[in-house]
N, C-alpha and C. Protein backbone atom coordinates (compact mmCIF):
# COMPACT_ATOMS: atom_id res chain seq x y z
N MET A 1 0.82 -1.19 0.00
CA MET A 1 0.00 0.00 0.00
C MET A 1 0.87 1.27 0.00
N LYS A 2 2.01 1.22 0.73
CA LYS A 2 2.91 2.38 0.75
C LYS A 2 3.46 2.66 -0.64
N ILE A 3 3.77 1.61 -1.37
CA ILE A 3 4.30 1.78 -2.73
C ILE A 3 3.24 2.46 -3.60
N PHE A 4 2.00 2.03 -3.45
CA PHE A 4 0.92 2.64 -4.23
C PHE A 4 0.80 4.13 -3.91
N LYS A 5 0.85 4.49 -2.62
CA LYS A 5 0.74 5.89 -2.22
C LYS A 5 1.91 6.71 -2.77
N VAL A 6 3.12 6.16 -2.69
CA VAL A 6 4.30 6.87 -3.21
C VAL A 6 4.17 7.03 -4.72
N LEU A 7 3.76 5.97 -5.41
CA LEU A 7 3.58 6.03 -6.85
C LEU A 7 2.51 7.05 -7.23
N PHE A 8 1.40 7.04 -6.51
CA PHE A 8 0.33 8.00 -6.77
C PHE A 8 0.83 9.42 -6.57
N LEU A 9 1.55 9.67 -5.48
CA LEU A 9 2.09 10.99 -5.20
C LEU A 9 3.05 11.43 -6.31
N PHE A 10 3.91 10.52 -6.77
CA PHE A 10 4.85 10.82 -7.84
C PHE A 10 4.10 11.19 -9.13
N ILE A 11 3.08 10.42 -9.46
CA ILE A 11 2.31 10.68 -10.68
C ILE A 11 1.57 12.02 -10.55
N PHE A 12 1.01 12.29 -9.37
CA PHE A 12 0.30 13.55 -9.15
C PHE A 12 1.24 14.74 -9.31
N ILE A 13 2.40 14.67 -8.68
CA ILE A 13 3.38 15.77 -8.77
C ILE A 13 3.87 15.92 -10.20
N SER A 14 4.08 14.81 -10.89
CA SER A 14 4.52 14.86 -12.29
C SER A 14 3.46 15.50 -13.17
N SER A 15 2.20 15.20 -12.89
CA SER A 15 1.13 15.76 -13.72
C SER A 15 1.03 17.27 -13.53
N ILE A 16 1.34 17.74 -12.33
CA ILE A 16 1.35 19.19 -12.10
C ILE A 16 2.47 19.79 -12.95
N GLY A 17 3.59 19.14 -12.98
CA GLY A 17 4.72 19.60 -13.78
C GLY A 17 4.41 19.61 -15.27
N CYS A 18 3.48 18.78 -15.71
CA CYS A 18 3.13 18.72 -17.13
C CYS A 18 2.37 19.96 -17.58
N ALA A 19 1.71 20.63 -16.63
CA ALA A 19 0.98 21.84 -16.96
C ALA A 19 1.94 23.01 -16.87
N GLN A 20 3.07 22.85 -17.52
CA GLN A 20 4.13 23.85 -17.42
C GLN A 20 3.99 24.93 -18.47
N VAL A 21 4.90 25.86 -18.38
CA VAL A 21 4.95 27.00 -19.27
C VAL A 21 5.19 26.55 -20.70
N PRO A 22 4.39 27.04 -21.64
CA PRO A 22 4.61 26.68 -23.05
C PRO A 22 5.98 27.16 -23.53
N GLN A 23 6.64 26.36 -24.33
CA GLN A 23 7.97 26.70 -24.86
C GLN A 23 7.93 27.97 -25.70
N ASP A 24 6.83 28.16 -26.43
CA ASP A 24 6.76 29.29 -27.37
C ASP A 24 6.02 30.50 -26.81
N ARG A 25 5.95 30.61 -25.50
CA ARG A 25 5.23 31.73 -24.90
C ARG A 25 5.96 33.05 -25.16
N PRO A 26 5.23 34.15 -25.13
CA PRO A 26 5.88 35.46 -25.26
C PRO A 26 6.77 35.73 -24.05
N HIS A 27 7.63 36.69 -24.16
CA HIS A 27 8.47 37.11 -23.04
C HIS A 27 8.26 38.60 -22.81
N LEU A 28 8.35 38.99 -21.56
CA LEU A 28 8.16 40.39 -21.19
C LEU A 28 9.50 41.10 -21.13
N GLU A 29 9.47 42.39 -21.35
CA GLU A 29 10.69 43.19 -21.39
C GLU A 29 11.47 43.12 -20.07
N ASN A 30 10.77 43.21 -18.94
CA ASN A 30 11.38 43.15 -17.62
C ASN A 30 11.45 41.68 -17.18
N GLU A 31 12.65 41.16 -17.01
CA GLU A 31 12.82 39.73 -16.67
C GLU A 31 12.14 39.34 -15.37
N LYS A 32 12.21 40.20 -14.36
CA LYS A 32 11.57 39.89 -13.08
C LYS A 32 10.06 39.86 -13.22
N PHE A 33 9.51 40.78 -13.99
CA PHE A 33 8.07 40.80 -14.25
C PHE A 33 7.68 39.55 -15.04
N ASP A 34 8.49 39.18 -16.01
CA ASP A 34 8.27 37.98 -16.81
C ASP A 34 8.19 36.75 -15.90
N THR A 35 9.13 36.65 -14.98
CA THR A 35 9.16 35.52 -14.03
C THR A 35 7.91 35.52 -13.16
N ARG A 36 7.53 36.69 -12.66
CA ARG A 36 6.36 36.78 -11.77
C ARG A 36 5.08 36.40 -12.50
N VAL A 37 4.88 36.91 -13.70
CA VAL A 37 3.68 36.58 -14.47
C VAL A 37 3.66 35.09 -14.78
N THR A 38 4.79 34.55 -15.16
CA THR A 38 4.88 33.13 -15.49
C THR A 38 4.51 32.27 -14.28
N GLU A 39 4.91 32.68 -13.10
CA GLU A 39 4.58 31.94 -11.87
C GLU A 39 3.08 32.02 -11.56
N LEU A 40 2.46 33.12 -11.89
CA LEU A 40 1.04 33.34 -11.56
C LEU A 40 0.09 32.53 -12.44
N LEU A 41 0.46 32.35 -13.70
CA LEU A 41 -0.46 31.74 -14.66
C LEU A 41 -0.36 30.22 -14.68
N SER A 42 -1.49 29.60 -15.00
CA SER A 42 -1.49 28.14 -15.20
C SER A 42 -1.38 27.82 -16.68
N PHE A 43 -1.49 28.81 -17.54
CA PHE A 43 -1.45 28.66 -19.01
C PHE A 43 -2.57 27.75 -19.50
N SER A 44 -3.69 27.79 -18.80
CA SER A 44 -4.88 27.04 -19.21
C SER A 44 -5.61 27.74 -20.36
N VAL A 45 -5.26 28.99 -20.58
CA VAL A 45 -5.78 29.76 -21.70
C VAL A 45 -4.56 30.18 -22.51
N PRO A 46 -4.56 29.95 -23.82
CA PRO A 46 -3.40 30.34 -24.63
C PRO A 46 -3.09 31.82 -24.46
N VAL A 47 -1.81 32.15 -24.56
CA VAL A 47 -1.39 33.55 -24.39
C VAL A 47 -1.00 34.16 -25.73
N ILE A 48 -1.12 35.49 -25.77
CA ILE A 48 -0.73 36.27 -26.94
C ILE A 48 0.14 37.42 -26.42
N SER A 49 1.12 37.81 -27.19
CA SER A 49 1.99 38.92 -26.78
C SER A 49 1.31 40.25 -27.07
N VAL A 50 1.74 41.29 -26.36
CA VAL A 50 1.19 42.63 -26.62
C VAL A 50 1.55 43.08 -28.04
N GLN A 51 2.71 42.68 -28.52
CA GLN A 51 3.11 43.06 -29.88
C GLN A 51 2.18 42.43 -30.91
N ASP A 52 1.85 41.15 -30.72
CA ASP A 52 0.94 40.49 -31.67
C ASP A 52 -0.46 41.09 -31.62
N LEU A 53 -0.93 41.41 -30.42
CA LEU A 53 -2.24 42.04 -30.34
C LEU A 53 -2.21 43.41 -31.01
N LYS A 54 -1.20 44.20 -30.73
CA LYS A 54 -1.11 45.55 -31.31
C LYS A 54 -1.10 45.47 -32.84
N LYS A 55 -0.35 44.53 -33.36
CA LYS A 55 -0.21 44.38 -34.82
C LYS A 55 -1.52 43.94 -35.47
N ASN A 56 -2.31 43.14 -34.76
CA ASN A 56 -3.51 42.53 -35.34
C ASN A 56 -4.78 42.87 -34.55
N GLN A 57 -4.80 43.98 -33.86
CA GLN A 57 -5.90 44.29 -32.94
C GLN A 57 -7.27 44.29 -33.61
N SER A 58 -7.33 44.69 -34.86
CA SER A 58 -8.63 44.74 -35.55
C SER A 58 -9.22 43.35 -35.78
N ASP A 59 -8.40 42.31 -35.63
CA ASP A 59 -8.87 40.94 -35.81
C ASP A 59 -9.54 40.37 -34.55
N TYR A 60 -9.44 41.09 -33.43
CA TYR A 60 -9.87 40.56 -32.14
C TYR A 60 -10.95 41.40 -31.49
N ILE A 61 -11.74 40.74 -30.65
CA ILE A 61 -12.58 41.41 -29.68
C ILE A 61 -11.75 41.43 -28.41
N VAL A 62 -11.47 42.63 -27.91
CA VAL A 62 -10.61 42.78 -26.74
C VAL A 62 -11.50 43.06 -25.53
N LEU A 63 -11.33 42.23 -24.49
CA LEU A 63 -12.17 42.32 -23.29
C LEU A 63 -11.31 42.61 -22.07
N ASP A 64 -11.74 43.57 -21.28
CA ASP A 64 -11.03 43.99 -20.07
C ASP A 64 -11.66 43.31 -18.86
N ALA A 65 -10.89 42.49 -18.16
CA ALA A 65 -11.38 41.71 -17.02
C ALA A 65 -10.95 42.31 -15.68
N ARG A 66 -10.84 43.62 -15.64
CA ARG A 66 -10.53 44.30 -14.38
C ARG A 66 -11.82 44.87 -13.79
N GLU A 67 -11.69 45.54 -12.68
CA GLU A 67 -12.84 46.18 -12.07
C GLU A 67 -13.13 47.50 -12.80
N LYS A 68 -14.35 47.98 -12.70
CA LYS A 68 -14.78 49.18 -13.43
C LYS A 68 -13.90 50.38 -13.10
N GLU A 69 -13.53 50.55 -11.85
CA GLU A 69 -12.67 51.66 -11.44
C GLU A 69 -11.34 51.64 -12.21
N GLU A 70 -10.78 50.45 -12.39
CA GLU A 70 -9.52 50.31 -13.13
C GLU A 70 -9.73 50.66 -14.60
N PHE A 71 -10.80 50.12 -15.17
CA PHE A 71 -11.13 50.35 -16.58
C PHE A 71 -11.33 51.84 -16.86
N ASP A 72 -12.03 52.54 -15.96
CA ASP A 72 -12.32 53.95 -16.17
C ASP A 72 -11.06 54.82 -16.17
N ILE A 73 -10.04 54.44 -15.39
CA ILE A 73 -8.78 55.19 -15.36
C ILE A 73 -8.11 55.11 -16.73
N SER A 74 -7.98 53.88 -17.24
CA SER A 74 -7.42 53.68 -18.57
C SER A 74 -7.65 52.24 -19.00
N HIS A 75 -7.72 52.08 -20.30
CA HIS A 75 -7.88 50.74 -20.89
C HIS A 75 -7.35 50.77 -22.33
N ILE A 76 -7.19 49.60 -22.89
CA ILE A 76 -6.76 49.51 -24.28
C ILE A 76 -7.91 50.02 -25.15
N GLN A 77 -7.58 50.89 -26.08
CA GLN A 77 -8.61 51.48 -26.94
C GLN A 77 -9.39 50.38 -27.65
N GLY A 78 -10.71 50.50 -27.61
CA GLY A 78 -11.60 49.54 -28.25
C GLY A 78 -11.98 48.37 -27.35
N ALA A 79 -11.37 48.28 -26.18
CA ALA A 79 -11.69 47.17 -25.28
C ALA A 79 -13.09 47.34 -24.69
N LYS A 80 -13.72 46.22 -24.45
CA LYS A 80 -15.04 46.20 -23.82
C LYS A 80 -14.86 45.75 -22.37
N TYR A 81 -15.45 46.47 -21.45
CA TYR A 81 -15.39 46.11 -20.04
C TYR A 81 -16.30 44.91 -19.77
N ILE A 82 -15.74 43.86 -19.17
CA ILE A 82 -16.58 42.73 -18.74
C ILE A 82 -16.39 42.43 -17.26
N GLY A 83 -15.37 43.01 -16.64
CA GLY A 83 -15.18 42.86 -15.21
C GLY A 83 -14.62 41.52 -14.79
N TYR A 84 -14.43 41.41 -13.50
CA TYR A 84 -13.92 40.17 -12.90
C TYR A 84 -14.89 39.70 -11.81
N LYS A 85 -14.95 40.42 -10.71
CA LYS A 85 -15.87 40.03 -9.64
C LYS A 85 -17.32 40.13 -10.08
N LYS A 86 -17.60 41.11 -10.92
CA LYS A 86 -18.97 41.31 -11.38
C LYS A 86 -19.20 40.75 -12.78
N PHE A 87 -18.33 39.83 -13.20
CA PHE A 87 -18.50 39.22 -14.53
C PHE A 87 -19.86 38.53 -14.60
N ASN A 88 -20.56 38.78 -15.68
CA ASN A 88 -21.87 38.19 -15.89
C ASN A 88 -21.91 37.61 -17.31
N LYS A 89 -22.27 36.35 -17.42
CA LYS A 89 -22.34 35.68 -18.73
C LYS A 89 -23.17 36.46 -19.74
N LYS A 90 -24.16 37.18 -19.26
CA LYS A 90 -25.06 37.92 -20.16
C LYS A 90 -24.31 38.98 -20.96
N MET A 91 -23.16 39.43 -20.45
CA MET A 91 -22.36 40.42 -21.19
C MET A 91 -21.81 39.84 -22.48
N MET A 92 -21.82 38.54 -22.60
CA MET A 92 -21.23 37.87 -23.76
C MET A 92 -22.26 37.48 -24.82
N THR A 93 -23.53 37.74 -24.57
CA THR A 93 -24.57 37.25 -25.48
C THR A 93 -24.45 37.76 -26.91
N ASP A 94 -23.88 38.95 -27.10
CA ASP A 94 -23.75 39.50 -28.45
C ASP A 94 -22.44 39.11 -29.13
N ILE A 95 -21.65 38.27 -28.48
CA ILE A 95 -20.36 37.86 -29.05
C ILE A 95 -20.45 36.40 -29.49
N PRO A 96 -20.31 36.13 -30.79
CA PRO A 96 -20.39 34.75 -31.27
C PRO A 96 -19.31 33.85 -30.64
N LYS A 97 -19.64 32.59 -30.45
CA LYS A 97 -18.75 31.64 -29.77
C LYS A 97 -17.43 31.41 -30.50
N ASP A 98 -17.40 31.67 -31.81
CA ASP A 98 -16.16 31.45 -32.57
C ASP A 98 -15.34 32.73 -32.78
N SER A 99 -15.72 33.81 -32.10
CA SER A 99 -14.99 35.07 -32.22
C SER A 99 -13.58 34.93 -31.67
N LYS A 100 -12.67 35.70 -32.28
CA LYS A 100 -11.30 35.76 -31.77
C LYS A 100 -11.28 36.76 -30.62
N ILE A 101 -11.08 36.26 -29.41
CA ILE A 101 -11.17 37.07 -28.20
C ILE A 101 -9.81 37.14 -27.51
N VAL A 102 -9.44 38.35 -27.09
CA VAL A 102 -8.26 38.53 -26.23
C VAL A 102 -8.74 39.19 -24.95
N LEU A 103 -8.38 38.59 -23.85
CA LEU A 103 -8.70 39.12 -22.52
C LEU A 103 -7.46 39.70 -21.89
N TYR A 104 -7.64 40.72 -21.07
CA TYR A 104 -6.52 41.25 -20.29
C TYR A 104 -7.04 41.77 -18.96
N CYS A 105 -6.12 41.92 -18.03
CA CYS A 105 -6.39 42.56 -16.74
C CYS A 105 -5.14 43.38 -16.43
N SER A 106 -4.66 43.33 -15.19
CA SER A 106 -3.43 44.06 -14.87
C SER A 106 -2.20 43.30 -15.34
N VAL A 107 -2.11 42.01 -14.94
CA VAL A 107 -0.93 41.21 -15.29
C VAL A 107 -1.28 39.92 -16.03
N GLY A 108 -2.54 39.51 -16.01
CA GLY A 108 -2.96 38.31 -16.73
C GLY A 108 -3.63 37.24 -15.88
N TYR A 109 -3.58 37.38 -14.57
CA TYR A 109 -4.15 36.36 -13.69
C TYR A 109 -5.68 36.35 -13.75
N ARG A 110 -6.29 37.50 -13.53
CA ARG A 110 -7.76 37.56 -13.55
C ARG A 110 -8.31 37.26 -14.94
N SER A 111 -7.63 37.76 -15.96
CA SER A 111 -8.11 37.50 -17.33
C SER A 111 -8.02 36.02 -17.68
N GLU A 112 -7.03 35.32 -17.13
CA GLU A 112 -6.96 33.87 -17.36
C GLU A 112 -8.16 33.18 -16.73
N LYS A 113 -8.54 33.60 -15.53
CA LYS A 113 -9.71 33.01 -14.85
C LYS A 113 -10.98 33.25 -15.66
N ILE A 114 -11.16 34.45 -16.17
CA ILE A 114 -12.33 34.74 -17.00
C ILE A 114 -12.24 33.96 -18.32
N GLY A 115 -11.04 33.82 -18.86
CA GLY A 115 -10.85 33.04 -20.08
C GLY A 115 -11.30 31.60 -19.90
N LYS A 116 -11.01 31.01 -18.75
CA LYS A 116 -11.46 29.64 -18.48
C LYS A 116 -12.98 29.58 -18.42
N LYS A 117 -13.60 30.60 -17.85
CA LYS A 117 -15.07 30.64 -17.81
C LYS A 117 -15.63 30.71 -19.23
N LEU A 118 -15.00 31.54 -20.08
CA LEU A 118 -15.48 31.65 -21.46
C LEU A 118 -15.32 30.32 -22.20
N GLN A 119 -14.22 29.63 -21.97
CA GLN A 119 -14.02 28.33 -22.59
C GLN A 119 -15.13 27.36 -22.16
N LYS A 120 -15.46 27.36 -20.89
CA LYS A 120 -16.54 26.49 -20.39
C LYS A 120 -17.89 26.88 -20.99
N MET A 121 -18.03 28.15 -21.36
CA MET A 121 -19.27 28.63 -21.98
C MET A 121 -19.32 28.28 -23.47
N GLY A 122 -18.23 27.72 -24.00
CA GLY A 122 -18.22 27.30 -25.40
C GLY A 122 -17.46 28.21 -26.34
N TYR A 123 -16.78 29.23 -25.83
CA TYR A 123 -15.97 30.09 -26.69
C TYR A 123 -14.71 29.32 -27.07
N THR A 124 -14.41 29.30 -28.35
CA THR A 124 -13.37 28.40 -28.87
C THR A 124 -12.06 29.08 -29.23
N ASN A 125 -12.03 30.41 -29.24
CA ASN A 125 -10.82 31.11 -29.66
C ASN A 125 -10.50 32.24 -28.69
N VAL A 126 -10.16 31.85 -27.46
CA VAL A 126 -9.90 32.79 -26.38
C VAL A 126 -8.41 32.81 -26.08
N GLN A 127 -7.85 34.01 -25.97
CA GLN A 127 -6.44 34.16 -25.62
C GLN A 127 -6.30 35.16 -24.48
N ASN A 128 -5.24 34.99 -23.70
CA ASN A 128 -4.93 35.86 -22.57
C ASN A 128 -3.73 36.72 -22.96
N LEU A 129 -3.84 38.03 -22.77
CA LEU A 129 -2.75 38.94 -23.11
C LEU A 129 -1.64 38.80 -22.07
N PHE A 130 -0.51 38.28 -22.48
CA PHE A 130 0.60 37.98 -21.57
C PHE A 130 1.22 39.28 -21.05
N GLY A 131 1.14 39.48 -19.75
CA GLY A 131 1.61 40.73 -19.14
C GLY A 131 0.54 41.79 -19.08
N SER A 132 -0.54 41.56 -19.80
CA SER A 132 -1.75 42.38 -19.80
C SER A 132 -1.48 43.87 -19.95
N ILE A 133 -2.30 44.71 -19.31
CA ILE A 133 -2.19 46.16 -19.54
C ILE A 133 -0.87 46.72 -19.01
N PHE A 134 -0.28 46.07 -17.99
CA PHE A 134 1.01 46.55 -17.50
C PHE A 134 2.06 46.46 -18.61
N GLU A 135 2.12 45.33 -19.29
CA GLU A 135 3.09 45.18 -20.37
C GLU A 135 2.72 46.08 -21.56
N TRP A 136 1.43 46.25 -21.80
CA TRP A 136 0.97 47.13 -22.88
C TRP A 136 1.55 48.53 -22.70
N VAL A 137 1.40 49.10 -21.48
CA VAL A 137 1.95 50.45 -21.25
C VAL A 137 3.47 50.42 -21.17
N ASN A 138 4.05 49.35 -20.64
CA ASN A 138 5.51 49.24 -20.59
C ASN A 138 6.12 49.24 -21.99
N GLN A 139 5.38 48.74 -22.96
CA GLN A 139 5.85 48.75 -24.35
C GLN A 139 5.60 50.09 -25.04
N GLY A 140 4.96 51.01 -24.32
CA GLY A 140 4.72 52.34 -24.88
C GLY A 140 3.45 52.47 -25.69
N TYR A 141 2.58 51.47 -25.63
CA TYR A 141 1.32 51.54 -26.37
C TYR A 141 0.32 52.41 -25.62
N THR A 142 -0.52 53.08 -26.37
CA THR A 142 -1.48 54.03 -25.84
C THR A 142 -2.63 53.33 -25.11
N VAL A 143 -3.06 53.98 -24.03
CA VAL A 143 -4.29 53.61 -23.34
C VAL A 143 -5.19 54.84 -23.34
N VAL A 144 -6.48 54.61 -23.17
CA VAL A 144 -7.45 55.70 -23.20
C VAL A 144 -8.31 55.67 -21.94
N ASP A 145 -8.92 56.82 -21.64
CA ASP A 145 -9.84 56.87 -20.51
C ASP A 145 -11.25 56.54 -20.99
N ASN A 146 -12.23 56.69 -20.08
CA ASN A 146 -13.60 56.30 -20.45
C ASN A 146 -14.25 57.28 -21.44
N LEU A 147 -13.56 58.39 -21.78
CA LEU A 147 -14.03 59.29 -22.84
C LEU A 147 -13.27 59.05 -24.14
N ASN A 148 -12.46 58.00 -24.14
CA ASN A 148 -11.66 57.60 -25.30
C ASN A 148 -10.53 58.58 -25.60
N HIS A 149 -10.09 59.33 -24.59
CA HIS A 149 -8.95 60.24 -24.75
C HIS A 149 -7.68 59.53 -24.31
N PRO A 150 -6.60 59.66 -25.08
CA PRO A 150 -5.33 59.06 -24.66
C PRO A 150 -4.90 59.62 -23.30
N VAL A 151 -4.42 58.73 -22.43
CA VAL A 151 -3.95 59.12 -21.11
C VAL A 151 -2.61 58.46 -20.82
N PHE A 152 -1.88 59.07 -19.91
CA PHE A 152 -0.55 58.58 -19.52
C PHE A 152 -0.62 58.04 -18.09
N LYS A 153 -1.62 57.18 -17.85
CA LYS A 153 -1.79 56.62 -16.50
C LYS A 153 -2.43 55.25 -16.59
N VAL A 154 -2.20 54.47 -15.53
CA VAL A 154 -2.79 53.14 -15.46
C VAL A 154 -3.08 52.82 -14.00
N HIS A 155 -4.21 52.17 -13.77
CA HIS A 155 -4.56 51.72 -12.43
C HIS A 155 -3.73 50.47 -12.16
N THR A 156 -2.91 50.52 -11.12
CA THR A 156 -1.99 49.40 -10.86
C THR A 156 -2.50 48.45 -9.78
N TYR A 157 -3.76 48.49 -9.47
CA TYR A 157 -4.44 47.62 -8.52
C TYR A 157 -4.09 47.99 -7.08
N ASN A 158 -2.80 47.96 -6.74
CA ASN A 158 -2.35 48.43 -5.42
C ASN A 158 -0.86 48.75 -5.50
N LYS A 159 -0.31 49.24 -4.40
CA LYS A 159 1.09 49.67 -4.39
C LYS A 159 2.03 48.52 -4.71
N LYS A 160 1.75 47.35 -4.17
CA LYS A 160 2.61 46.18 -4.40
C LYS A 160 2.73 45.88 -5.90
N TRP A 161 1.62 45.88 -6.60
CA TRP A 161 1.63 45.53 -8.02
C TRP A 161 2.16 46.67 -8.89
N SER A 162 2.16 47.89 -8.36
CA SER A 162 2.61 49.03 -9.17
C SER A 162 4.09 48.94 -9.56
N GLN A 163 4.85 48.12 -8.84
CA GLN A 163 6.27 47.97 -9.18
C GLN A 163 6.49 47.44 -10.60
N TRP A 164 5.47 46.82 -11.17
CA TRP A 164 5.64 46.20 -12.49
C TRP A 164 5.34 47.15 -13.64
N VAL A 165 4.94 48.37 -13.34
CA VAL A 165 4.74 49.37 -14.39
C VAL A 165 5.93 50.32 -14.37
N ASP A 166 6.55 50.49 -15.51
CA ASP A 166 7.69 51.39 -15.66
C ASP A 166 7.22 52.81 -15.40
N GLU A 167 7.81 53.46 -14.40
CA GLU A 167 7.37 54.82 -14.02
C GLU A 167 7.58 55.84 -15.13
N ASN A 168 8.41 55.53 -16.11
CA ASN A 168 8.60 56.43 -17.25
C ASN A 168 7.53 56.24 -18.33
N LYS A 169 6.73 55.20 -18.18
CA LYS A 169 5.71 54.89 -19.20
C LYS A 169 4.31 55.30 -18.80
N ALA A 170 4.04 55.41 -17.48
CA ALA A 170 2.68 55.75 -17.04
C ALA A 170 2.69 56.20 -15.58
N ILE A 171 1.76 57.08 -15.28
CA ILE A 171 1.52 57.46 -13.89
C ILE A 171 0.75 56.31 -13.26
N LYS A 172 1.17 55.90 -12.09
CA LYS A 172 0.57 54.75 -11.41
C LYS A 172 -0.52 55.23 -10.44
N ILE A 173 -1.70 54.69 -10.60
CA ILE A 173 -2.82 55.04 -9.74
C ILE A 173 -3.32 53.76 -9.07
N TYR A 174 -3.53 53.81 -7.78
CA TYR A 174 -4.09 52.65 -7.05
C TYR A 174 -4.93 53.10 -5.89
């Protein structure tokens, strides 16, 4: 029986290791931020780089999985607010199940969770923006406020997470 328990434990731990980081994943400019984001994600939702989204943004429906307060400060232009804590499936009724969807939040953790919900709802082409809005602004891409005006600020969730936004790229609000 002990051998069975040890074998089971070994197989369980090995299976966790199998859900590892994809070899072809994007990389973030800041190595420490890259490491932190990689540790946070389970990669249960495919990831897309900010560069790929920027280059092909018109091909995607971009959804913001942060809280409304964060979205109102700044968001990726054209993004639709769907929230995280207040996410409601009904917000997705006008989006076909085969749409190309990219989700983002601050760093990618919350958007991955919403991405899994969308997959369970039958959405077949969902991607998570690797590094999310923090990497978007770190790369120098524009964000807009709720009046669609370009702004030089981003809601960083709290002081701890604000370390991952380059202070030369955006004013940090939390």
